[in-house]
Amino acid sequence: MFDKVREYIDDNRFKITIYEDRIHVINYEKIISLEEERIVFLTKNKKIIVHGQNMHLNRLLDEELLIYGIILKIEVENV
């Protein structure tokens, strides 16, 4: 059991989980742009662009975000 907890804590891979009205992001690098209809952030080698409506952001931890709103489209670009 402790190995699974340690693995979760030490995991530094980028993860994104999409729900109906929110997106949970883990291990991002930097927020580039924050607007009501567009949020842009960087991972180690990708730029993620989230398009939507009435979006707002809750920063949970240093490397963890929760984006709320109506999610319309998510783009991923190599950097």
PDB file of N, CA and C in Angstrom:
ATOM      1  N   MET A   1       0.829  -1.194   0.000  1.00  0.00           N
ATOM      2  CA  MET A   1       0.000   0.000   0.000  1.00  0.00           C
ATOM      3  C   MET A   1       0.872   1.257   0.000  1.00  0.00           C
ATOM      4  N   PHE A   2       1.923   1.258   0.809  1.00  0.00           N
ATOM      5  CA  PHE A   2       2.789   2.431   0.877  1.00  0.00           C
ATOM      6  C   PHE A   2       3.515   2.669  -0.440  1.00  0.00           C
ATOM      7  N   ASP A   3       3.811   1.609  -1.176  1.00  0.00           N
ATOM      8  CA  ASP A   3       4.460   1.767  -2.470  1.00  0.00           C
ATOM      9  C   ASP A   3       3.558   2.527  -3.446  1.00  0.00           C
ATOM     10  N   LYS A   4       2.256   2.237  -3.419  1.00  0.00           N
ATOM     11  CA  LYS A   4       1.319   2.945  -4.301  1.00  0.00           C
ATOM     12  C   LYS A   4       1.209   4.419  -3.922  1.00  0.00           C
ATOM     13  N   VAL A   5       1.199   4.720  -2.648  1.00  0.00           N
ATOM     14  CA  VAL A   5       1.149   6.111  -2.194  1.00  0.00           C
ATOM     15  C   VAL A   5       2.431   6.836  -2.598  1.00  0.00           C
ATOM     16  N   ARG A   6       3.566   6.215  -2.390  1.00  0.00           N
ATOM     17  CA  ARG A   6       4.851   6.810  -2.766  1.00  0.00           C
ATOM     18  C   ARG A   6       4.920   7.038  -4.271  1.00  0.00           C
ATOM     19  N   GLU A   7       4.446   6.072  -5.038  1.00  0.00           N
ATOM     20  CA  GLU A   7       4.437   6.191  -6.498  1.00  0.00           C
ATOM     21  C   GLU A   7       3.587   7.386  -6.930  1.00  0.00           C
ATOM     22  N   TYR A   8       2.428   7.577  -6.300  1.00  0.00           N
ATOM     23  CA  TYR A   8       1.555   8.713  -6.614  1.00  0.00           C
ATOM     24  C   TYR A   8       2.232  10.030  -6.260  1.00  0.00           C
ATOM     25  N   ILE A   9       2.861  10.102  -5.129  1.00  0.00           N
ATOM     26  CA  ILE A   9       3.500  11.337  -4.672  1.00  0.00           C
ATOM     27  C   ILE A   9       4.708  11.689  -5.539  1.00  0.00           C
ATOM     28  N   ASP A  10       5.489  10.701  -5.920  1.00  0.00           N
ATOM     29  CA  ASP A  10       6.716  10.932  -6.685  1.00  0.00           C
ATOM     30  C   ASP A  10       6.490  11.035  -8.185  1.00  0.00           C
ATOM     31  N   ASP A  11       5.306  10.786  -8.647  1.00  0.00           N
ATOM     32  CA  ASP A  11       5.016  10.810 -10.081  1.00  0.00           C
ATOM     33  C   ASP A  11       5.039  12.252 -10.586  1.00  0.00           C
ATOM     34  N   ASN A  12       5.885  12.543 -11.576  1.00  0.00           N
ATOM     35  CA  ASN A  12       5.978  13.914 -12.090  1.00  0.00           C
ATOM     36  C   ASN A  12       5.570  14.005 -13.553  1.00  0.00           C
ATOM     37  N   ARG A  13       4.822  13.030 -14.045  1.00  0.00           N
ATOM     38  CA  ARG A  13       4.338  13.078 -15.421  1.00  0.00           C
ATOM     39  C   ARG A  13       3.141  14.023 -15.526  1.00  0.00           C
ATOM     40  N   PHE A  14       3.016  14.664 -16.677  1.00  0.00           N
ATOM     41  CA  PHE A  14       1.868  15.519 -16.952  1.00  0.00           C
ATOM     42  C   PHE A  14       0.631  14.651 -17.104  1.00  0.00           C
ATOM     43  N   LYS A  15      -0.461  15.077 -16.454  1.00  0.00           N
ATOM     44  CA  LYS A  15      -1.740  14.368 -16.562  1.00  0.00           C
ATOM     45  C   LYS A  15      -2.852  15.396 -16.689  1.00  0.00           C
ATOM     46  N   ILE A  16      -3.815  15.071 -17.510  1.00  0.00           N
ATOM     47  CA  ILE A  16      -5.001  15.926 -17.642  1.00  0.00           C
ATOM     48  C   ILE A  16      -6.223  15.008 -17.617  1.00  0.00           C
ATOM     49  N   THR A  17      -7.187  15.349 -16.766  1.00  0.00           N
ATOM     50  CA  THR A  17      -8.423  14.588 -16.660  1.00  0.00           C
ATOM     51  C   THR A  17      -9.567  15.528 -17.000  1.00  0.00           C
ATOM     52  N   ILE A  18     -10.392  15.117 -17.945  1.00  0.00           N
ATOM     53  CA  ILE A  18     -11.482  15.967 -18.435  1.00  0.00           C
ATOM     54  C   ILE A  18     -12.802  15.439 -17.890  1.00  0.00           C
ATOM     55  N   TYR A  19     -13.520  16.322 -17.224  1.00  0.00           N
ATOM     56  CA  TYR A  19     -14.858  16.025 -16.717  1.00  0.00           C
ATOM     57  C   TYR A  19     -15.856  16.865 -17.503  1.00  0.00           C
ATOM     58  N   GLU A  20     -17.110  16.738 -17.211  1.00  0.00           N
ATOM     59  CA  GLU A  20     -18.142  17.474 -17.949  1.00  0.00           C
ATOM     60  C   GLU A  20     -17.983  18.987 -17.807  1.00  0.00           C
ATOM     61  N   ASP A  21     -17.691  19.467 -16.612  1.00  0.00           N
ATOM     62  CA  ASP A  21     -17.651  20.911 -16.382  1.00  0.00           C
ATOM     63  C   ASP A  21     -16.318  21.399 -15.818  1.00  0.00           C
ATOM     64  N   ARG A  22     -15.280  20.557 -15.883  1.00  0.00           N
ATOM     65  CA  ARG A  22     -13.986  20.967 -15.349  1.00  0.00           C
ATOM     66  C   ARG A  22     -12.866  20.103 -15.921  1.00  0.00           C
ATOM     67  N   ILE A  23     -11.657  20.605 -15.787  1.00  0.00           N
ATOM     68  CA  ILE A  23     -10.456  19.889 -16.204  1.00  0.00           C
ATOM     69  C   ILE A  23      -9.481  19.915 -15.037  1.00  0.00           C
ATOM     70  N   HIS A  24      -8.939  18.768 -14.709  1.00  0.00           N
ATOM     71  CA  HIS A  24      -7.948  18.661 -13.642  1.00  0.00           C
ATOM     72  C   HIS A  24      -6.586  18.432 -14.302  1.00  0.00           C
ATOM     73  N   VAL A  25      -5.617  19.289 -14.004  1.00  0.00           N
ATOM     74  CA  VAL A  25      -4.291  19.247 -14.621  1.00  0.00           C
ATOM     75  C   VAL A  25      -3.260  19.003 -13.524  1.00  0.00           C
ATOM     76  N   ILE A  26      -2.365  18.055 -13.756  1.00  0.00           N
ATOM     77  CA  ILE A  26      -1.302  17.756 -12.805  1.00  0.00           C
ATOM     78  C   ILE A  26       0.046  17.849 -13.525  1.00  0.00           C
ATOM     79  N   ASN A  27       1.007  18.474 -12.874  1.00  0.00           N
ATOM     80  CA  ASN A  27       2.387  18.597 -13.350  1.00  0.00           C
ATOM     81  C   ASN A  27       2.527  19.471 -14.592  1.00  0.00           C
ATOM     82  N   TYR A  28       1.925  20.635 -14.559  1.00  0.00           N
ATOM     83  CA  TYR A  28       2.145  21.622 -15.604  1.00  0.00           C
ATOM     84  C   TYR A  28       3.353  22.473 -15.185  1.00  0.00           C
ATOM     85  N   GLU A  29       3.885  23.240 -16.125  1.00  0.00           N
ATOM     86  CA  GLU A  29       5.061  24.064 -15.839  1.00  0.00           C
ATOM     87  C   GLU A  29       4.701  25.518 -15.524  1.00  0.00           C
ATOM     88  N   LYS A  30       3.877  26.123 -16.417  1.00  0.00           N
ATOM     89  CA  LYS A  30       3.650  27.568 -16.319  1.00  0.00           C
ATOM     90  C   LYS A  30       2.339  27.943 -16.995  1.00  0.00           C
ATOM     91  N   ILE A  31       1.612  28.886 -16.407  1.00  0.00           N
ATOM     92  CA  ILE A  31       0.405  29.442 -17.028  1.00  0.00           C
ATOM     93  C   ILE A  31       0.850  30.604 -17.912  1.00  0.00           C
ATOM     94  N   ILE A  32       0.461  30.566 -19.178  1.00  0.00           N
ATOM     95  CA  ILE A  32       0.844  31.596 -20.140  1.00  0.00           C
ATOM     96  C   ILE A  32      -0.234  32.663 -20.265  1.00  0.00           C
ATOM     97  N   SER A  33      -1.483  32.236 -20.361  1.00  0.00           N
ATOM     98  CA  SER A  33      -2.590  33.160 -20.598  1.00  0.00           C
ATOM     99  C   SER A  33      -3.812  32.677 -19.823  1.00  0.00           C
ATOM    100  N   LEU A  34      -4.512  33.613 -19.224  1.00  0.00           N
ATOM    101  CA  LEU A  34      -5.698  33.285 -18.448  1.00  0.00           C
ATOM    102  C   LEU A  34      -6.804  34.260 -18.803  1.00  0.00           C
ATOM    103  N   GLU A  35      -7.767  33.788 -19.581  1.00  0.00           N
ATOM    104  CA  GLU A  35      -8.912  34.585 -20.006  1.00  0.00           C
ATOM    105  C   GLU A  35     -10.183  33.765 -19.778  1.00  0.00           C
ATOM    106  N   GLU A  36     -11.311  34.423 -19.816  1.00  0.00           N
ATOM    107  CA  GLU A  36     -12.580  33.742 -19.568  1.00  0.00           C
ATOM    108  C   GLU A  36     -12.905  32.706 -20.647  1.00  0.00           C
ATOM    109  N   GLU A  37     -12.401  32.926 -21.882  1.00  0.00           N
ATOM    110  CA  GLU A  37     -12.700  32.011 -22.977  1.00  0.00           C
ATOM    111  C   GLU A  37     -11.488  31.221 -23.469  1.00  0.00           C
ATOM    112  N   ARG A  38     -10.307  31.451 -22.835  1.00  0.00           N
ATOM    113  CA  ARG A  38      -9.098  30.760 -23.293  1.00  0.00           C
ATOM    114  C   ARG A  38      -8.065  30.724 -22.168  1.00  0.00           C
ATOM    115  N   ILE A  39      -7.571  29.536 -21.867  1.00  0.00           N
ATOM    116  CA  ILE A  39      -6.502  29.365 -20.883  1.00  0.00           C
ATOM    117  C   ILE A  39      -5.379  28.597 -21.561  1.00  0.00           C
ATOM    118  N   VAL A  40      -4.146  29.127 -21.446  1.00  0.00           N
ATOM    119  CA  VAL A  40      -2.986  28.508 -22.080  1.00  0.00           C
ATOM    120  C   VAL A  40      -1.950  28.226 -21.002  1.00  0.00           C
ATOM    121  N   PHE A  41      -1.411  27.000 -21.017  1.00  0.00           N
ATOM    122  CA  PHE A  41      -0.348  26.669 -20.077  1.00  0.00           C
ATOM    123  C   PHE A  41       0.652  25.730 -20.745  1.00  0.00           C
ATOM    124  N   LEU A  42       1.833  25.646 -20.154  1.00  0.00           N
ATOM    125  CA  LEU A  42       2.909  24.832 -20.691  1.00  0.00           C
ATOM    126  C   LEU A  42       3.161  23.617 -19.817  1.00  0.00           C
ATOM    127  N   THR A  43       3.548  22.531 -20.469  1.00  0.00           N
ATOM    128  CA  THR A  43       4.116  21.380 -19.793  1.00  0.00           C
ATOM    129  C   THR A  43       5.587  21.360 -20.199  1.00  0.00           C
ATOM    130  N   LYS A  44       6.292  20.297 -19.934  1.00  0.00           N
ATOM    131  CA  LYS A  44       7.715  20.249 -20.281  1.00  0.00           C
ATOM    132  C   LYS A  44       7.958  20.376 -21.772  1.00  0.00           C
ATOM    133  N   ASN A  45       7.090  19.816 -22.605  1.00  0.00           N
ATOM    134  CA  ASN A  45       7.313  19.861 -24.046  1.00  0.00           C
ATOM    135  C   ASN A  45       6.044  20.126 -24.857  1.00  0.00           C
ATOM    136  N   LYS A  46       5.001  20.584 -24.215  1.00  0.00           N
ATOM    137  CA  LYS A  46       3.731  20.851 -24.903  1.00  0.00           C
ATOM    138  C   LYS A  46       3.138  22.180 -24.447  1.00  0.00           C
ATOM    139  N   LYS A  47       2.378  22.795 -25.350  1.00  0.00           N
ATOM    140  CA  LYS A  47       1.557  23.951 -24.998  1.00  0.00           C
ATOM    141  C   LYS A  47       0.112  23.489 -25.092  1.00  0.00           C
ATOM    142  N   ILE A  48      -0.645  23.670 -24.019  1.00  0.00           N
ATOM    143  CA  ILE A  48      -2.045  23.244 -23.947  1.00  0.00           C
ATOM    144  C   ILE A  48      -2.918  24.493 -23.989  1.00  0.00           C
ATOM    145  N   ILE A  49      -3.871  24.506 -24.911  1.00  0.00           N
ATOM    146  CA  ILE A  49      -4.795  25.629 -25.062  1.00  0.00           C
ATOM    147  C   ILE A  49      -6.206  25.102 -24.828  1.00  0.00           C
ATOM    148  N   VAL A  50      -6.864  25.642 -23.818  1.00  0.00           N
ATOM    149  CA  VAL A  50      -8.228  25.231 -23.477  1.00  0.00           C
ATOM    150  C   VAL A  50      -9.166  26.358 -23.889  1.00  0.00           C
ATOM    151  N   HIS A  51     -10.110  26.052 -24.771  1.00  0.00           N
ATOM    152  CA  HIS A  51     -11.116  27.017 -25.221  1.00  0.00           C
ATOM    153  C   HIS A  51     -12.442  26.690 -24.545  1.00  0.00           C
ATOM    154  N   GLY A  52     -13.156  27.714 -24.140  1.00  0.00           N
ATOM    155  CA  GLY A  52     -14.434  27.473 -23.494  1.00  0.00           C
ATOM    156  C   GLY A  52     -15.174  28.758 -23.196  1.00  0.00           C
ATOM    157  N   GLN A  53     -16.108  28.666 -22.287  1.00  0.00           N
ATOM    158  CA  GLN A  53     -16.916  29.820 -21.882  1.00  0.00           C
ATOM    159  C   GLN A  53     -16.988  29.851 -20.359  1.00  0.00           C
ATOM    160  N   ASN A  54     -16.995  31.075 -19.826  1.00  0.00           N
ATOM    161  CA  ASN A  54     -17.109  31.280 -18.376  1.00  0.00           C
ATOM    162  C   ASN A  54     -16.105  30.440 -17.587  1.00  0.00           C
ATOM    163  N   MET A  55     -14.901  30.335 -18.097  1.00  0.00           N
ATOM    164  CA  MET A  55     -13.896  29.514 -17.422  1.00  0.00           C
ATOM    165  C   MET A  55     -13.219  30.318 -16.319  1.00  0.00           C
ATOM    166  N   HIS A  56     -12.931  29.642 -15.243  1.00  0.00           N
ATOM    167  CA  HIS A  56     -12.128  30.211 -14.167  1.00  0.00           C
ATOM    168  C   HIS A  56     -11.232  29.117 -13.611  1.00  0.00           C
ATOM    169  N   LEU A  57     -10.243  29.543 -12.904  1.00  0.00           N
ATOM    170  CA  LEU A  57      -9.160  28.651 -12.515  1.00  0.00           C
ATOM    171  C   LEU A  57      -9.017  28.607 -11.010  1.00  0.00           C
ATOM    172  N   ASN A  58      -8.859  27.421 -10.474  1.00  0.00           N
ATOM    173  CA  ASN A  58      -8.478  27.224  -9.076  1.00  0.00           C
ATOM    174  C   ASN A  58      -7.114  26.563  -9.086  1.00  0.00           C
ATOM    175  N   ARG A  59      -6.174  27.190  -8.449  1.00  0.00           N
ATOM    176  CA  ARG A  59      -4.843  26.593  -8.338  1.00  0.00           C
ATOM    177  C   ARG A  59      -4.817  25.799  -7.048  1.00  0.00           C
ATOM    178  N   LEU A  60      -4.693  24.508  -7.167  1.00  0.00           N
ATOM    179  CA  LEU A  60      -4.752  23.633  -6.003  1.00  0.00           C
ATOM    180  C   LEU A  60      -3.397  23.532  -5.315  1.00  0.00           C
ATOM    181  N   LEU A  61      -2.359  23.271  -6.077  1.00  0.00           N
ATOM    182  CA  LEU A  61      -0.996  23.167  -5.578  1.00  0.00           C
ATOM    183  C   LEU A  61      -0.070  23.844  -6.587  1.00  0.00           C
ATOM    184  N   ASP A  62       1.225  23.847  -6.311  1.00  0.00           N
ATOM    185  CA  ASP A  62       2.169  24.498  -7.223  1.00  0.00           C
ATOM    186  C   ASP A  62       2.092  23.954  -8.642  1.00  0.00           C
ATOM    187  N   GLU A  63       1.843  22.674  -8.800  1.00  0.00           N
ATOM    188  CA  GLU A  63       1.825  22.052 -10.121  1.00  0.00           C
ATOM    189  C   GLU A  63       0.483  21.406 -10.449  1.00  0.00           C
ATOM    190  N   GLU A  64      -0.586  21.900  -9.832  1.00  0.00           N
ATOM    191  CA  GLU A  64      -1.907  21.294 -10.016  1.00  0.00           C
ATOM    192  C   GLU A  64      -2.957  22.383 -10.198  1.00  0.00           C
ATOM    193  N   LEU A  65      -3.791  22.238 -11.231  1.00  0.00           N
ATOM    194  CA  LEU A  65      -4.838  23.208 -11.553  1.00  0.00           C
ATOM    195  C   LEU A  65      -6.183  22.514 -11.665  1.00  0.00           C
ATOM    196  N   LEU A  66      -7.234  23.285 -11.418  1.00  0.00           N
ATOM    197  CA  LEU A  66      -8.593  22.844 -11.684  1.00  0.00           C
ATOM    198  C   LEU A  66      -9.261  23.980 -12.453  1.00  0.00           C
ATOM    199  N   ILE A  67      -9.652  23.702 -13.691  1.00  0.00           N
ATOM    200  CA  ILE A  67     -10.283  24.690 -14.566  1.00  0.00           C
ATOM    201  C   ILE A  67     -11.770  24.372 -14.619  1.00  0.00           C
ATOM    202  N   TYR A  68     -12.591  25.345 -14.233  1.00  0.00           N
ATOM    203  CA  TYR A  68     -14.047  25.198 -14.262  1.00  0.00           C
ATOM    204  C   TYR A  68     -14.623  25.992 -15.426  1.00  0.00           C
ATOM    205  N   GLY A  69     -15.742  25.549 -15.958  1.00  0.00           N
ATOM    206  CA  GLY A  69     -16.442  26.275 -16.999  1.00  0.00           C
ATOM    207  C   GLY A  69     -16.967  25.332 -18.062  1.00  0.00           C
ATOM    208  N   ILE A  70     -17.425  25.919 -19.153  1.00  0.00           N
ATOM    209  CA  ILE A  70     -17.907  25.144 -20.292  1.00  0.00           C
ATOM    210  C   ILE A  70     -16.707  24.925 -21.217  1.00  0.00           C
ATOM    211  N   ILE A  71     -16.238  23.701 -21.312  1.00  0.00           N
ATOM    212  CA  ILE A  71     -15.068  23.371 -22.110  1.00  0.00           C
ATOM    213  C   ILE A  71     -15.525  23.035 -23.528  1.00  0.00           C
ATOM    214  N   LEU A  72     -15.020  23.774 -24.502  1.00  0.00           N
ATOM    215  CA  LEU A  72     -15.416  23.562 -25.890  1.00  0.00           C
ATOM    216  C   LEU A  72     -14.374  22.788 -26.683  1.00  0.00           C
ATOM    217  N   LYS A  73     -13.088  23.084 -26.426  1.00  0.00           N
ATOM    218  CA  LYS A  73     -12.039  22.458 -27.228  1.00  0.00           C
ATOM    219  C   LYS A  73     -10.714  22.528 -26.473  1.00  0.00           C
ATOM    220  N   ILE A  74      -9.881  21.512 -26.664  1.00  0.00           N
ATOM    221  CA  ILE A  74      -8.542  21.499 -26.089  1.00  0.00           C
ATOM    222  C   ILE A  74      -7.545  21.233 -27.216  1.00  0.00           C
ATOM    223  N   GLU A  75      -6.566  22.115 -27.345  1.00  0.00           N
ATOM    224  CA  GLU A  75      -5.526  21.960 -28.351  1.00  0.00           C
ATOM    225  C   GLU A  75      -4.204  21.638 -27.672  1.00  0.00           C
ATOM    226  N   VAL A  76      -3.401  20.790 -28.319  1.00  0.00           N
ATOM    227  CA  VAL A  76      -2.078  20.443 -27.806  1.00  0.00           C
ATOM    228  C   VAL A  76      -1.072  20.716 -28.911  1.00  0.00           C
ATOM    229  N   GLU A  77      -0.049  21.529 -28.600  1.00  0.00           N
ATOM    230  CA  GLU A  77       0.989  21.875 -29.559  1.00  0.00           C
ATOM    231  C   GLU A  77       2.346  21.489 -28.997  1.00  0.00           C
ATOM    232  N   ASN A  78       3.222  20.970 -29.842  1.00  0.00           N
ATOM    233  CA  ASN A  78       4.602  20.697 -29.426  1.00  0.00           C
ATOM    234  C   ASN A  78       5.363  22.014 -29.334  1.00  0.00           C
ATOM    235  N   VAL A  79       6.235  22.116 -28.337  1.00  0.00           N
ATOM    236  CA  VAL A  79       7.085  23.316 -28.213  1.00  0.00           C
ATOM    237  C   VAL A  79       8.544  22.938 -28.192  1.00  0.00           C
TER     238      VAL A  79
END
